Amino acid sequence: MTSSKSWALVVAGYCILAVAMLAFLTINGVSSTAAGTITTATLIGLGLLLPAAGTLEMARHMDPPHGSARKGLLSLSLTGLLIGLVVSFAASSLSGHLVSAVFIVLGGASGLAGAIFIAKQARARQLVAGAALIAIGAALIPASNIALFAYLISDMGKSIYQDIGAALAACGSVVAAYSFFVLRSRAKAPAVSRS
């Protein structure tokens, strides 16, 4: 796999994640068909696995150990978010949603740390905003389930908070895709020397 394919995987993955979160918005709170749920879950899986694979591949092309550590944190983050969201969708108890929240919080924190490291070196502050929006949006999904189990919100309130979370994650995915697109174009641009 070449470096350009790695960049394409990351950008495409974040774009798919944005579409997946929008699909989640359409089926959330509605008695949906199994096909809609499976399609949305597949899109979320692809939207998190493709950028994870792309960032791992990019880490191989970066100068060790800094490149590997930064990209590895993003990969770890996306994998943690995937596990957390899968557990959240499958959970039917408070303990399942708590486990989901732990994975999502740890994944979100590592993604934010990785984005901060990359942003410092590459001057891509928007990547930090994208990572934060994805983490906050993903965290709202199990948090609303936990609040429902604790009788803090109604079922309708749960759906509203999950929709807000999905919308935030979709916006974060678009910002992250744009960030990597800009970073890729900067990497391709010829260096200009100042005399």
Protein backbone atom coordinates (compact mmCIF):
# COMPACT_ATOMS: atom_id res chain seq x y z
CA MET A 1 0.00 0.00 0.00
CA THR A 2 1.46 3.34 -0.97
CA SER A 3 1.35 6.49 1.07
CA SER A 4 -1.27 8.08 -1.21
CA LYS A 5 -3.57 5.12 -0.62
CA SER A 6 -3.13 5.64 3.12
CA TRP A 7 -4.23 9.26 2.86
CA ALA A 8 -7.18 8.22 0.69
CA LEU A 9 -8.22 5.57 3.25
CA VAL A 10 -8.21 8.12 6.06
CA VAL A 11 -10.20 10.74 4.16
CA ALA A 12 -12.65 8.19 2.74
CA GLY A 13 -13.09 6.59 6.15
CA TYR A 14 -13.96 9.87 7.83
CA CYS A 15 -16.38 10.69 5.01
CA ILE A 16 -18.05 7.29 5.45
CA LEU A 17 -18.24 7.90 9.20
CA ALA A 18 -20.03 11.20 8.54
CA VAL A 19 -22.54 9.40 6.31
CA ALA A 20 -22.93 6.66 8.94
CA MET A 21 -23.73 9.19 11.65
CA LEU A 22 -26.30 10.82 9.39
CA ALA A 23 -27.81 7.39 8.74
CA PHE A 24 -27.90 6.82 12.51
CA LEU A 25 -29.86 10.07 12.83
CA THR A 26 -32.51 8.76 10.45
CA ILE A 27 -33.08 5.45 12.25
CA ASN A 28 -32.60 6.58 15.87
CA GLY A 29 -35.78 6.44 17.91
CA VAL A 30 -37.77 4.88 15.09
CA SER A 31 -38.64 1.22 14.93
CA SER A 32 -36.35 0.56 12.01
CA THR A 33 -35.82 -2.49 9.94
CA ALA A 34 -32.95 -4.85 10.56
CA ALA A 35 -31.53 -3.90 7.17
CA GLY A 36 -31.32 -0.24 8.17
CA THR A 37 -29.61 -1.08 11.44
CA ILE A 38 -27.16 -3.47 9.78
CA THR A 39 -26.39 -0.95 7.04
CA THR A 40 -25.76 1.82 9.58
CA ALA A 41 -23.60 -0.44 11.74
CA THR A 42 -21.59 -1.49 8.67
CA LEU A 43 -21.05 2.14 7.68
CA ILE A 44 -19.93 3.03 11.21
CA GLY A 45 -17.55 0.06 11.20
CA LEU A 46 -16.07 1.05 7.83
CA GLY A 47 -15.95 4.70 8.87
CA LEU A 48 -13.82 3.85 11.88
CA LEU A 49 -11.73 0.99 10.49
CA LEU A 50 -10.63 2.68 7.24
CA PRO A 51 -9.03 5.70 8.95
CA ALA A 52 -7.47 3.39 11.54
CA ALA A 53 -5.88 1.30 8.78
CA GLY A 54 -4.81 4.43 6.89
CA THR A 55 -3.18 6.03 9.92
CA LEU A 56 -1.35 2.82 10.76
CA GLU A 57 -0.03 2.65 7.21
CA MET A 58 1.01 6.30 7.39
CA ALA A 59 2.89 5.57 10.60
CA ARG A 60 5.10 3.16 8.69
CA HIS A 61 6.13 5.96 6.33
CA MET A 62 6.83 8.49 9.09
CA ASP A 63 10.09 8.92 10.89
CA PRO A 64 10.08 6.70 13.96
CA PRO A 65 9.27 7.00 16.81
CA HIS A 66 7.31 10.25 16.61
CA GLY A 67 5.29 9.46 13.48
CA SER A 68 4.34 6.02 14.70
CA ALA A 69 3.29 7.26 18.12
CA ARG A 70 1.10 10.05 16.75
CA LYS A 71 -0.62 7.97 14.10
CA GLY A 72 -0.82 5.01 16.47
CA LEU A 73 -2.81 7.08 18.95
CA LEU A 74 -5.34 7.94 16.25
CA SER A 75 -5.60 4.29 15.24
CA LEU A 76 -6.06 3.22 18.84
CA SER A 77 -8.69 5.92 19.26
CA LEU A 78 -10.75 4.82 16.28
CA THR A 79 -10.58 1.18 17.36
CA GLY A 80 -11.69 2.14 20.89
CA LEU A 81 -14.58 4.15 19.50
CA LEU A 82 -15.62 1.24 17.30
CA ILE A 83 -15.60 -1.22 20.22
CA GLY A 84 -17.47 1.27 22.41
CA LEU A 85 -20.17 1.96 19.83
CA VAL A 86 -20.64 -1.74 19.06
CA VAL A 87 -20.99 -2.53 22.75
CA SER A 88 -23.42 0.40 23.16
CA PHE A 89 -25.63 -0.81 20.31
CA ALA A 90 -25.62 -4.38 21.63
CA ALA A 91 -25.93 -3.55 25.34
CA SER A 92 -29.23 -4.01 27.07
CA SER A 93 -28.09 -3.30 30.62
CA LEU A 94 -26.53 -0.45 32.54
CA SER A 95 -23.25 -2.33 32.94
CA GLY A 96 -23.01 -2.83 29.17
CA HIS A 97 -23.47 0.89 28.57
CA LEU A 98 -20.86 1.67 31.25
CA VAL A 99 -18.35 -0.62 29.52
CA SER A 100 -19.19 1.10 26.25
CA ALA A 101 -18.62 4.51 27.83
CA VAL A 102 -15.21 3.44 29.14
CA PHE A 103 -14.07 2.37 25.65
CA ILE A 104 -15.41 5.55 24.07
CA VAL A 105 -13.84 7.86 26.68
CA LEU A 106 -10.46 6.13 26.41
CA GLY A 107 -10.68 6.08 22.62
CA GLY A 108 -11.72 9.72 22.50
CA ALA A 109 -8.92 10.78 24.84
CA SER A 110 -6.25 8.95 22.84
CA GLY A 111 -7.64 10.40 19.60
CA LEU A 112 -7.54 13.89 21.03
CA ALA A 113 -3.95 13.36 22.21
CA GLY A 114 -2.93 12.05 18.79
CA ALA A 115 -4.63 14.96 17.05
CA ILE A 116 -2.86 17.44 19.34
CA PHE A 117 0.52 15.86 18.55
CA ILE A 118 -0.14 15.97 14.81
CA ALA A 119 -1.57 19.50 14.96
CA LYS A 120 1.52 20.83 16.74
CA GLN A 121 3.84 19.51 14.07
CA ALA A 122 1.66 20.03 11.00
CA ARG A 123 -0.14 23.24 12.02
CA ALA A 124 -3.55 21.60 11.61
CA ARG A 125 -5.62 22.92 14.51
CA GLN A 126 -8.85 21.89 12.82
CA LEU A 127 -7.84 18.23 13.33
CA VAL A 128 -8.04 18.77 17.10
CA ALA A 129 -11.53 20.24 16.70
CA GLY A 130 -12.57 17.27 14.56
CA ALA A 131 -11.23 14.74 17.07
CA ALA A 132 -12.95 16.55 19.94
CA LEU A 133 -16.29 16.65 18.12
CA ILE A 134 -16.08 12.94 17.25
CA ALA A 135 -15.18 12.02 20.85
CA ILE A 136 -17.91 14.19 22.41
CA GLY A 137 -20.50 13.01 19.91
CA ALA A 138 -19.65 9.36 20.39
CA ALA A 139 -19.66 9.77 24.19
CA LEU A 140 -23.18 11.21 24.15
CA ILE A 141 -24.56 7.95 22.77
CA PRO A 142 -23.79 5.69 25.77
CA ALA A 143 -24.15 8.64 28.17
CA SER A 144 -27.78 9.06 27.10
CA ASN A 145 -28.37 5.33 27.56
CA ILE A 146 -26.85 5.51 31.04
CA ALA A 147 -29.01 8.53 31.87
CA LEU A 148 -32.09 6.62 30.71
CA PHE A 149 -31.24 3.65 32.95
CA ALA A 150 -30.68 6.05 35.87
CA TYR A 151 -34.12 7.63 35.23
CA LEU A 152 -32.54 11.03 34.55
CA ILE A 153 -34.11 11.43 31.11
CA SER A 154 -37.03 9.99 29.18
CA ASP A 155 -36.82 7.73 26.16
CA MET A 156 -37.47 10.73 23.94
CA GLY A 157 -34.69 12.65 25.72
CA LYS A 158 -32.34 9.73 25.09
CA SER A 159 -33.11 9.86 21.38
CA ILE A 160 -32.54 13.62 21.30
CA TYR A 161 -29.16 13.39 23.04
CA GLN A 162 -28.12 10.52 20.77
CA ASP A 163 -29.11 12.58 17.74
CA ILE A 164 -27.05 15.50 19.04
CA GLY A 165 -24.13 13.11 19.57
CA ALA A 166 -24.44 11.67 16.07
CA ALA A 167 -24.63 15.18 14.58
CA LEU A 168 -21.51 16.27 16.50
CA ALA A 169 -19.64 13.13 15.42
CA ALA A 170 -20.70 13.69 11.80
CA CYS A 171 -19.44 17.28 11.92
CA GLY A 172 -16.21 16.10 13.52
CA SER A 173 -15.78 13.48 10.81
CA VAL A 174 -16.13 16.11 8.09
CA VAL A 175 -13.61 18.37 9.86
CA ALA A 176 -11.18 15.44 10.31
CA ALA A 177 -11.53 14.42 6.65
CA TYR A 178 -10.89 18.02 5.59
CA SER A 179 -7.87 18.21 7.93
CA PHE A 180 -6.26 15.13 6.43
CA PHE A 181 -7.09 16.36 2.93
CA VAL A 182 -5.30 19.65 3.70
CA LEU A 183 -2.39 17.82 5.33
CA ARG A 184 -2.06 15.64 2.24
CA SER A 185 -2.03 18.64 -0.09
CA ARG A 186 0.62 20.31 2.11
CA ALA A 187 2.73 17.17 1.98
CA LYS A 188 2.52 17.15 -1.84
CA ALA A 189 3.31 20.86 -2.20
CA PRO A 190 6.90 21.66 -3.14
CA ALA A 191 8.97 23.29 -0.47
CA VAL A 192 9.62 26.98 -0.96
CA SER A 193 12.91 28.30 0.28
CA ARG A 194 13.21 31.85 1.50
CA SER A 195 16.31 33.77 0.55
